Amino acid sequence: METEITRGSLQISQFAFYPSVEAWLVPVKTGKSGILEINNRHGQLIYSAQITRTGECRWDGTSASGLPMPAGVYQYVLRYNDNSLDTGTVELVY
């Protein structure tokens, strides 16, 4: 499920998914590469992955060490190699 809120030039994307059923398809801009970072509510990095130019990147709700993360809201940051950023939130629902 996706929700987008736009106020002026600010755009915030919010997503929710059930990790026991599916992986979240991260909204990567096609043709860009970089790094996906997932942070918990305290701002601690819990997961990161390379973004390839194919535009396909998924997160299954686990930490970098493969442990399932608890239900809740997480911030994502897409850091592209051209120094642009996309940010938003993703909610894990169990």
Protein backbone atom coordinates (compact mmCIF):
# COMPACT_ATOMS: atom_id res chain seq x y z
CA MET A 1 0.00 0.00 0.00
CA GLU A 2 1.34 3.46 -0.91
CA THR A 3 0.36 6.96 0.21
CA GLU A 4 1.87 10.15 -1.18
CA ILE A 5 1.57 13.57 0.45
CA THR A 6 2.66 16.68 -1.46
CA ARG A 7 2.99 20.12 0.10
CA GLY A 8 4.63 22.64 -2.20
CA SER A 9 7.85 21.07 -3.46
CA LEU A 10 8.01 18.55 -0.57
CA GLN A 11 6.86 15.04 -1.39
CA ILE A 12 6.67 12.31 1.25
CA SER A 13 6.00 8.70 0.32
CA GLN A 14 4.61 6.23 2.84
CA PHE A 15 4.39 2.48 2.26
CA ALA A 16 3.18 -0.52 4.26
CA PHE A 17 3.72 -4.24 3.68
CA TYR A 18 3.41 -7.63 5.33
CA PRO A 19 6.92 -9.18 5.39
CA SER A 20 5.55 -12.63 6.17
CA VAL A 21 3.71 -12.51 2.82
CA GLU A 22 5.75 -10.27 0.51
CA ALA A 23 8.89 -8.20 0.13
CA TRP A 24 8.61 -4.44 -0.36
CA LEU A 25 9.47 -3.29 -3.87
CA VAL A 26 11.41 -0.09 -3.16
CA PRO A 27 10.38 2.89 -5.36
CA VAL A 28 13.73 3.33 -7.12
CA LYS A 29 14.08 5.77 -10.03
CA THR A 30 14.78 3.79 -13.19
CA GLY A 31 18.26 4.24 -14.61
CA LYS A 32 19.79 5.41 -11.32
CA SER A 33 22.15 3.50 -9.07
CA GLY A 34 23.16 4.07 -5.46
CA ILE A 35 22.36 2.78 -1.98
CA LEU A 36 19.14 2.02 -0.09
CA GLU A 37 19.31 2.67 3.66
CA ILE A 38 16.63 1.59 6.14
CA ASN A 39 16.71 3.24 9.57
CA ASN A 40 14.72 2.44 12.71
CA ARG A 41 12.77 5.10 14.63
CA HIS A 42 15.96 6.04 16.52
CA GLY A 43 17.79 6.80 13.27
CA GLN A 44 20.01 3.71 13.51
CA LEU A 45 20.91 2.05 10.22
CA ILE A 46 19.47 -1.48 10.24
CA TYR A 47 19.74 -2.45 6.57
CA SER A 48 21.42 -1.26 3.39
CA ALA A 49 21.57 -2.56 -0.17
CA GLN A 50 22.96 -1.54 -3.53
CA ILE A 51 20.57 -0.01 -6.04
CA THR A 52 21.29 -1.09 -9.59
CA ARG A 53 20.33 0.70 -12.79
CA THR A 54 17.60 -1.87 -13.44
CA GLY A 55 15.43 -0.04 -10.91
CA GLU A 56 14.67 -3.17 -8.90
CA CYS A 57 15.39 -3.25 -5.16
CA ARG A 58 13.48 -5.15 -2.48
CA TRP A 59 13.46 -5.26 1.33
CA ASP A 60 12.03 -8.28 3.13
CA GLY A 61 11.73 -6.68 6.59
CA THR A 62 14.95 -8.13 8.01
CA SER A 63 18.07 -6.49 9.42
CA ALA A 64 21.48 -6.62 7.74
CA SER A 65 22.17 -9.79 9.75
CA GLY A 66 18.93 -11.43 8.55
CA LEU A 67 16.89 -11.03 11.75
CA PRO A 68 13.20 -10.13 11.35
CA MET A 69 12.53 -6.55 12.42
CA PRO A 70 9.61 -5.75 14.72
CA ALA A 71 6.40 -4.22 13.41
CA GLY A 72 6.57 -0.46 13.14
CA VAL A 73 7.51 2.47 10.96
CA TYR A 74 10.98 2.72 9.40
CA GLN A 75 12.58 5.53 7.41
CA TYR A 76 14.11 4.77 4.05
CA VAL A 77 16.70 6.85 2.21
CA LEU A 78 17.62 6.27 -1.43
CA ARG A 79 21.07 7.81 -1.98
CA TYR A 80 21.70 7.95 -5.70
CA ASN A 81 25.17 8.20 -7.22
CA ASP A 82 24.25 11.57 -8.77
CA ASN A 83 23.93 12.96 -5.17
CA SER A 84 20.12 13.12 -5.27
CA LEU A 85 17.99 11.65 -2.46
CA ASP A 86 14.51 10.20 -2.05
CA THR A 87 13.14 9.60 1.44
CA GLY A 88 9.98 8.29 3.01
CA THR A 89 8.63 5.77 5.46
CA VAL A 90 7.73 2.13 5.26
CA GLU A 91 5.63 0.30 7.84
CA LEU A 92 6.06 -3.37 8.69
CA VAL A 93 2.70 -4.92 9.54
CA TYR A 94 2.36 -8.39 11.10
